[in-house]
C-alpha atoms as a PDB file:
ATOM      1  CA  MET A   1      27.693  82.151   7.968  1.00  0.00           C
ATOM      2  CA  ALA A   2      30.038  85.086   7.447  1.00  0.00           C
ATOM      3  CA  LYS A   3      33.564  84.890   8.800  1.00  0.00           C
ATOM      4  CA  VAL A   4      34.214  86.706  12.088  1.00  0.00           C
ATOM      5  CA  ILE A   5      37.738  86.997  13.470  1.00  0.00           C
ATOM      6  CA  GLU A   6      38.588  86.886  17.170  1.00  0.00           C
ATOM      7  CA  GLY A   7      40.648  89.750  18.568  1.00  0.00           C
ATOM      8  CA  LEU A   8      39.150  92.485  16.396  1.00  0.00           C
ATOM      9  CA  TYR A   9      36.716  95.167  17.503  1.00  0.00           C
ATOM     10  CA  TYR A  10      33.376  95.463  15.700  1.00  0.00           C
ATOM     11  CA  ALA A  11      30.841  98.259  15.214  1.00  0.00           C
ATOM     12  CA  GLU A  12      27.106  97.689  14.746  1.00  0.00           C
ATOM     13  CA  SER A  13      27.449  99.403  11.357  1.00  0.00           C
ATOM     14  CA  HIS A  14      29.626  96.421  10.234  1.00  0.00           C
ATOM     15  CA  GLU A  15      33.076  98.000  10.326  1.00  0.00           C
ATOM     16  CA  TYR A  16      35.947  96.401  12.188  1.00  0.00           C
ATOM     17  CA  VAL A  17      39.156  97.757  13.653  1.00  0.00           C
ATOM     18  CA  ARG A  18      42.332  95.700  14.089  1.00  0.00           C
ATOM     19  CA  VAL A  19      44.572  97.349  16.651  1.00  0.00           C
ATOM     20  CA  GLU A  20      48.358  97.204  16.389  1.00  0.00           C
ATOM     21  CA  GLY A  21      50.050  99.418  18.966  1.00  0.00           C
ATOM     22  CA  GLU A  22      48.844 102.999  18.505  1.00  0.00           C
ATOM     23  CA  PHE A  23      47.268 102.244  15.128  1.00  0.00           C
ATOM     24  CA  GLY A  24      43.964 100.833  13.987  1.00  0.00           C
ATOM     25  CA  TYR A  25      43.249  99.232  10.617  1.00  0.00           C
ATOM     26  CA  ILE A  26      39.614  99.863   9.681  1.00  0.00           C
ATOM     27  CA  GLY A  27      37.602  97.970   7.101  1.00  0.00           C
ATOM     28  CA  ILE A  28      34.224  96.375   6.551  1.00  0.00           C
ATOM     29  CA  THR A  29      33.366  92.932   7.827  1.00  0.00           C
ATOM     30  CA  ASP A  30      32.894  89.787   5.802  1.00  0.00           C
ATOM     31  CA  TYR A  31      29.168  89.995   6.594  1.00  0.00           C
ATOM     32  CA  ALA A  32      29.031  93.537   5.161  1.00  0.00           C
ATOM     33  CA  GLN A  33      30.817  92.653   1.915  1.00  0.00           C
ATOM     34  CA  ASP A  34      28.536  89.632   1.525  1.00  0.00           C
ATOM     35  CA  GLN A  35      25.427  91.822   1.932  1.00  0.00           C
ATOM     36  CA  LEU A  36      26.759  94.409  -0.518  1.00  0.00           C
ATOM     37  CA  GLY A  37      27.728  92.002  -3.277  1.00  0.00           C
ATOM     38  CA  ASN A  38      30.420  92.863  -5.834  1.00  0.00           C
ATOM     39  CA  VAL A  39      32.268  95.973  -4.656  1.00  0.00           C
ATOM     40  CA  VAL A  40      33.035  98.321  -7.555  1.00  0.00           C
ATOM     41  CA  TYR A  41      34.311 101.468  -5.809  1.00  0.00           C
ATOM     42  CA  VAL A  42      35.675 102.540  -2.420  1.00  0.00           C
ATOM     43  CA  ASP A  43      35.545 106.217  -1.440  1.00  0.00           C
ATOM     44  CA  MET A  44      38.325 106.878   1.086  1.00  0.00           C
ATOM     45  CA  PRO A  45      39.483 109.945   3.007  1.00  0.00           C
ATOM     46  CA  GLU A  46      42.884 111.561   2.488  1.00  0.00           C
ATOM     47  CA  VAL A  47      45.981 110.954   4.613  1.00  0.00           C
ATOM     48  CA  ASP A  48      46.027 113.424   7.558  1.00  0.00           C
ATOM     49  CA  ASP A  49      42.209 113.638   7.616  1.00  0.00           C
ATOM     50  CA  GLU A  50      40.643 113.262  11.050  1.00  0.00           C
ATOM     51  CA  VAL A  51      38.014 110.571  11.589  1.00  0.00           C
ATOM     52  CA  THR A  52      35.592 110.531  14.523  1.00  0.00           C
ATOM     53  CA  ALA A  53      34.028 107.482  16.139  1.00  0.00           C
ATOM     54  CA  GLY A  54      30.510 106.974  14.824  1.00  0.00           C
ATOM     55  CA  GLU A  55      30.915 109.453  11.969  1.00  0.00           C
ATOM     56  CA  GLU A  56      31.122 108.850   8.242  1.00  0.00           C
ATOM     57  CA  PHE A  57      34.568 108.610   6.624  1.00  0.00           C
ATOM     58  CA  GLY A  58      33.799 107.266   3.164  1.00  0.00           C
ATOM     59  CA  ALA A  59      31.620 104.845   1.236  1.00  0.00           C
ATOM     60  CA  VAL A  60      31.661 101.489  -0.477  1.00  0.00           C
ATOM     61  CA  GLU A  61      29.732 101.060  -3.700  1.00  0.00           C
ATOM     62  CA  SER A  62      28.629  97.738  -5.089  1.00  0.00           C
ATOM     63  CA  VAL A  63      26.598  96.664  -8.079  1.00  0.00           C
ATOM     64  CA  LYS A  64      23.563  96.530  -5.759  1.00  0.00           C
ATOM     65  CA  ALA A  65      23.972  99.544  -3.446  1.00  0.00           C
ATOM     66  CA  ALA A  66      26.172 102.204  -1.921  1.00  0.00           C
ATOM     67  CA  SER A  67      26.887 102.075   1.775  1.00  0.00           C
ATOM     68  CA  ASP A  68      28.408 104.788   3.944  1.00  0.00           C
ATOM     69  CA  LEU A  69      31.400 103.857   6.086  1.00  0.00           C
ATOM     70  CA  PHE A  70      31.383 104.883   9.743  1.00  0.00           C
ATOM     71  CA  SER A  71      34.574 104.996  11.747  1.00  0.00           C
ATOM     72  CA  PRO A  72      34.542 102.750  14.819  1.00  0.00           C
ATOM     73  CA  VAL A  73      37.250 104.928  16.424  1.00  0.00           C
ATOM     74  CA  SER A  74      38.621 108.474  16.339  1.00  0.00           C
ATOM     75  CA  GLY A  75      42.044 109.357  15.017  1.00  0.00           C
ATOM     76  CA  THR A  76      44.160 110.660  12.181  1.00  0.00           C
ATOM     77  CA  VAL A  77      44.364 108.813   8.868  1.00  0.00           C
ATOM     78  CA  VAL A  78      48.000 107.797   8.343  1.00  0.00           C
ATOM     79  CA  GLU A  79      47.466 105.519   5.337  1.00  0.00           C
ATOM     80  CA  VAL A  80      44.771 104.523   2.868  1.00  0.00           C
ATOM     81  CA  ASN A  81      44.733 101.163   1.132  1.00  0.00           C
ATOM     82  CA  GLU A  82      45.651 102.344  -2.373  1.00  0.00           C
ATOM     83  CA  ALA A  83      45.252  98.838  -3.806  1.00  0.00           C
ATOM     84  CA  LEU A  84      41.487  99.316  -3.455  1.00  0.00           C
ATOM     85  CA  GLU A  85      41.540 102.241  -5.891  1.00  0.00           C
ATOM     86  CA  ASP A  86      42.376  99.857  -8.740  1.00  0.00           C
ATOM     87  CA  GLU A  87      40.901  96.667  -7.293  1.00  0.00           C
ATOM     88  CA  PRO A  88      37.933  97.424  -5.009  1.00  0.00           C
ATOM     89  CA  GLU A  89      36.867  93.789  -5.418  1.00  0.00           C
ATOM     90  CA  LEU A  90      39.723  92.802  -3.066  1.00  0.00           C
ATOM     91  CA  ILE A  91      37.215  93.520  -0.289  1.00  0.00           C
ATOM     92  CA  ASN A  92      35.031  90.708  -1.616  1.00  0.00           C
ATOM     93  CA  LYS A  93      38.001  88.341  -1.764  1.00  0.00           C
ATOM     94  CA  ASP A  94      39.006  88.938   1.878  1.00  0.00           C
ATOM     95  CA  ALA A  95      37.374  91.795   3.768  1.00  0.00           C
ATOM     96  CA  PHE A  96      39.611  91.322   6.822  1.00  0.00           C
ATOM     97  CA  GLU A  97      42.869  91.232   4.889  1.00  0.00           C
ATOM     98  CA  ASN A  98      41.956  94.265   2.767  1.00  0.00           C
ATOM     99  CA  TRP A  99      41.469  97.069   5.288  1.00  0.00           C
ATOM    100  CA  ILE A 100      40.397 100.490   4.003  1.00  0.00           C
ATOM    101  CA  ILE A 101      42.204 103.016   6.205  1.00  0.00           C
ATOM    102  CA  LYS A 102      44.898 102.974   8.884  1.00  0.00           C
ATOM    103  CA  VAL A 103      44.487 105.537  11.660  1.00  0.00           C
ATOM    104  CA  GLU A 104      46.563 106.696  14.575  1.00  0.00           C
ATOM    105  CA  LEU A 105      44.172 106.193  17.488  1.00  0.00           C
ATOM    106  CA  SER A 106      43.423 109.319  19.505  1.00  0.00           C
ATOM    107  CA  ASP A 107      41.454 107.638  22.309  1.00  0.00           C
ATOM    108  CA  LYS A 108      41.913 103.927  22.948  1.00  0.00           C
ATOM    109  CA  SER A 109      39.087 103.926  25.516  1.00  0.00           C
ATOM    110  CA  GLU A 110      36.665 104.127  22.557  1.00  0.00           C
ATOM    111  CA  LEU A 111      37.491 100.475  21.881  1.00  0.00           C
ATOM    112  CA  ASP A 112      35.543  99.591  25.029  1.00  0.00           C
ATOM    113  CA  LYS A 113      32.331 100.685  23.289  1.00  0.00           C
ATOM    114  CA  LEU A 114      32.822  98.241  20.413  1.00  0.00           C
ATOM    115  CA  MET A 115      31.812  94.583  20.230  1.00  0.00           C
ATOM    116  CA  ASP A 116      34.000  91.527  20.393  1.00  0.00           C
ATOM    117  CA  ALA A 117      33.684  88.699  17.864  1.00  0.00           C
ATOM    118  CA  LYS A 118      31.050  86.837  19.880  1.00  0.00           C
ATOM    119  CA  ALA A 119      28.771  89.882  20.297  1.00  0.00           C
ATOM    120  CA  TYR A 120      29.169  90.783  16.619  1.00  0.00           C
ATOM    121  CA  GLU A 121      28.294  87.243  15.501  1.00  0.00           C
ATOM    122  CA  ALA A 122      25.095  87.516  17.524  1.00  0.00           C
ATOM    123  CA  ILE A 123      23.875  90.606  15.649  1.00  0.00           C
ATOM    124  CA  CYS A 124      24.659  89.040  12.262  1.00  0.00           C
ATOM    125  CA  LYS A 125      22.297  86.112  12.843  1.00  0.00           C
END
């Protein structure tokens, strides 16, 4: 069973967001990295790009497949995880520790539309 962490918000498309104050750290879940297999490339937006809840912001490529990334929330990208440019496999090592982008949240009420850990676990079964 894939690891699911309490206190995060989850999208059906297998992204998570960890909220700290006005910021959200977005990445893919442990379940998603497990399904993808060995991650070889992460396509990320630029700092200052806008992301919109439910819309594509990048992609993750593995040996098996490429998968689009959909933002669980709207906001402005304030940081990208540059470590992933050289070591995309960090996502396989710990998907929750190795977030992909950090955004300044533009509408915290969007979090209400996301799943908690228990609901996300249910769709992964």
